[in-house]
Amino acid sequence: MGSLSIWHWLIVLVIVMMVFGTKKLKNMGSDLGSAVKGFKDGMRDGDAAATSGTTAADKQLGPQAGAVKKDTIDVEAKEKS
């Protein structure tokens, strides 16, 4: 009773396919794959930026990045009304 046999998994698979349909499952699989690929690319870009000494924020800011001190945080405080 503790472990599930192949027949249990097949029944679960058939029920999932009946509920979602094969087209929706295919779309969900491709979306998940593209998300994992994007995550891996982001991690690779982050590692490359860490070794070169620049951050993703520096790349987005472009030439303005040199004008801002690295240890300064610019914030705007709002009063509670």
C-alpha atoms as a PDB file:
ATOM      1  CA  MET A   1       0.000   0.000   0.000  1.00  0.00           C
ATOM      2  CA  GLY A   2       2.930   2.346   0.609  1.00  0.00           C
ATOM      3  CA  SER A   3       4.305   2.348  -2.931  1.00  0.00           C
ATOM      4  CA  LEU A   4       2.470   3.033  -6.171  1.00  0.00           C
ATOM      5  CA  SER A   5       2.723   0.522  -8.998  1.00  0.00           C
ATOM      6  CA  ILE A   6       2.890   1.292 -12.708  1.00  0.00           C
ATOM      7  CA  TRP A   7      -0.870   0.787 -12.984  1.00  0.00           C
ATOM      8  CA  HIS A   8      -1.526   3.518 -10.429  1.00  0.00           C
ATOM      9  CA  TRP A   9       0.672   5.945 -12.389  1.00  0.00           C
ATOM     10  CA  LEU A  10      -1.046   5.050 -15.667  1.00  0.00           C
ATOM     11  CA  ILE A  11      -4.472   5.721 -14.159  1.00  0.00           C
ATOM     12  CA  VAL A  12      -3.274   9.071 -12.805  1.00  0.00           C
ATOM     13  CA  LEU A  13      -1.830   9.948 -16.227  1.00  0.00           C
ATOM     14  CA  VAL A  14      -5.103   9.091 -17.988  1.00  0.00           C
ATOM     15  CA  ILE A  15      -7.098  11.216 -15.528  1.00  0.00           C
ATOM     16  CA  VAL A  16      -4.725  14.171 -15.939  1.00  0.00           C
ATOM     17  CA  MET A  17      -4.952  13.903 -19.727  1.00  0.00           C
ATOM     18  CA  MET A  18      -8.752  13.795 -19.533  1.00  0.00           C
ATOM     19  CA  VAL A  19      -8.887  16.858 -17.283  1.00  0.00           C
ATOM     20  CA  PHE A  20      -6.326  19.057 -19.050  1.00  0.00           C
ATOM     21  CA  GLY A  21      -6.148  17.638 -22.567  1.00  0.00           C
ATOM     22  CA  THR A  22      -3.003  16.877 -24.524  1.00  0.00           C
ATOM     23  CA  LYS A  23      -2.748  20.322 -26.142  1.00  0.00           C
ATOM     24  CA  LYS A  24      -2.800  22.147 -22.813  1.00  0.00           C
ATOM     25  CA  LEU A  25      -0.266  19.716 -21.334  1.00  0.00           C
ATOM     26  CA  LYS A  26       2.006  20.269 -24.347  1.00  0.00           C
ATOM     27  CA  ASN A  27       1.759  24.059 -23.912  1.00  0.00           C
ATOM     28  CA  MET A  28       2.486  23.794 -20.194  1.00  0.00           C
ATOM     29  CA  GLY A  29       5.517  21.612 -20.922  1.00  0.00           C
ATOM     30  CA  SER A  30       6.926  24.034 -23.480  1.00  0.00           C
ATOM     31  CA  ASP A  31       6.321  26.988 -21.134  1.00  0.00           C
ATOM     32  CA  LEU A  32       8.119  25.165 -18.333  1.00  0.00           C
ATOM     33  CA  GLY A  33      11.014  24.325 -20.657  1.00  0.00           C
ATOM     34  CA  SER A  34      11.403  27.929 -21.805  1.00  0.00           C
ATOM     35  CA  ALA A  35      11.284  29.124 -18.191  1.00  0.00           C
ATOM     36  CA  VAL A  36      14.056  26.713 -17.203  1.00  0.00           C
ATOM     37  CA  LYS A  37      16.114  27.785 -20.229  1.00  0.00           C
ATOM     38  CA  GLY A  38      15.651  31.465 -19.315  1.00  0.00           C
ATOM     39  CA  PHE A  39      16.674  30.727 -15.732  1.00  0.00           C
ATOM     40  CA  LYS A  40      19.837  28.945 -16.875  1.00  0.00           C
ATOM     41  CA  ASP A  41      20.700  31.817 -19.232  1.00  0.00           C
ATOM     42  CA  GLY A  42      20.169  34.296 -16.406  1.00  0.00           C
ATOM     43  CA  MET A  43      22.411  32.313 -14.101  1.00  0.00           C
ATOM     44  CA  ARG A  44      25.084  32.127 -16.797  1.00  0.00           C
ATOM     45  CA  ASP A  45      24.845  35.898 -17.382  1.00  0.00           C
ATOM     46  CA  GLY A  46      25.011  36.510 -13.631  1.00  0.00           C
ATOM     47  CA  ASP A  47      28.147  34.406 -13.316  1.00  0.00           C
ATOM     48  CA  ALA A  48      29.748  36.215 -16.242  1.00  0.00           C
ATOM     49  CA  ALA A  49      28.885  39.600 -14.717  1.00  0.00           C
ATOM     50  CA  ALA A  50      30.292  38.548 -11.346  1.00  0.00           C
ATOM     51  CA  THR A  51      33.600  37.567 -12.879  1.00  0.00           C
ATOM     52  CA  SER A  52      33.831  40.757 -14.940  1.00  0.00           C
ATOM     53  CA  GLY A  53      32.922  42.988 -11.981  1.00  0.00           C
ATOM     54  CA  THR A  54      29.743  44.456 -13.465  1.00  0.00           C
ATOM     55  CA  THR A  55      26.196  43.789 -12.354  1.00  0.00           C
ATOM     56  CA  ALA A  56      23.001  43.501 -14.357  1.00  0.00           C
ATOM     57  CA  ALA A  57      21.942  46.895 -12.987  1.00  0.00           C
ATOM     58  CA  ASP A  58      25.152  48.451 -14.303  1.00  0.00           C
ATOM     59  CA  LYS A  59      24.446  47.025 -17.737  1.00  0.00           C
ATOM     60  CA  GLN A  60      20.923  48.465 -17.716  1.00  0.00           C
ATOM     61  CA  LEU A  61      22.068  51.895 -16.569  1.00  0.00           C
ATOM     62  CA  GLY A  62      24.770  52.106 -19.215  1.00  0.00           C
ATOM     63  CA  PRO A  63      26.896  55.267 -19.071  1.00  0.00           C
ATOM     64  CA  GLN A  64      25.088  56.568 -15.983  1.00  0.00           C
ATOM     65  CA  ALA A  65      26.477  53.752 -13.836  1.00  0.00           C
ATOM     66  CA  GLY A  66      29.822  55.507 -13.356  1.00  0.00           C
ATOM     67  CA  ALA A  67      28.149  58.638 -11.968  1.00  0.00           C
ATOM     68  CA  VAL A  68      26.490  56.819  -9.049  1.00  0.00           C
ATOM     69  CA  LYS A  69      28.523  55.662  -6.071  1.00  0.00           C
ATOM     70  CA  LYS A  70      28.331  51.890  -5.590  1.00  0.00           C
ATOM     71  CA  ASP A  71      27.637  52.090  -1.838  1.00  0.00           C
ATOM     72  CA  THR A  72      24.875  54.733  -2.089  1.00  0.00           C
ATOM     73  CA  ILE A  73      21.216  53.780  -2.135  1.00  0.00           C
ATOM     74  CA  ASP A  74      18.820  56.339  -3.562  1.00  0.00           C
ATOM     75  CA  VAL A  75      15.371  56.192  -1.929  1.00  0.00           C
ATOM     76  CA  GLU A  76      12.335  58.415  -1.698  1.00  0.00           C
ATOM     77  CA  ALA A  77      10.417  58.609   1.590  1.00  0.00           C
ATOM     78  CA  LYS A  78       6.717  59.388   1.649  1.00  0.00           C
ATOM     79  CA  GLU A  79       4.774  60.596   4.653  1.00  0.00           C
ATOM     80  CA  LYS A  80       1.808  58.644   5.898  1.00  0.00           C
ATOM     81  CA  SER A  81      -1.463  60.473   5.306  1.00  0.00           C
END
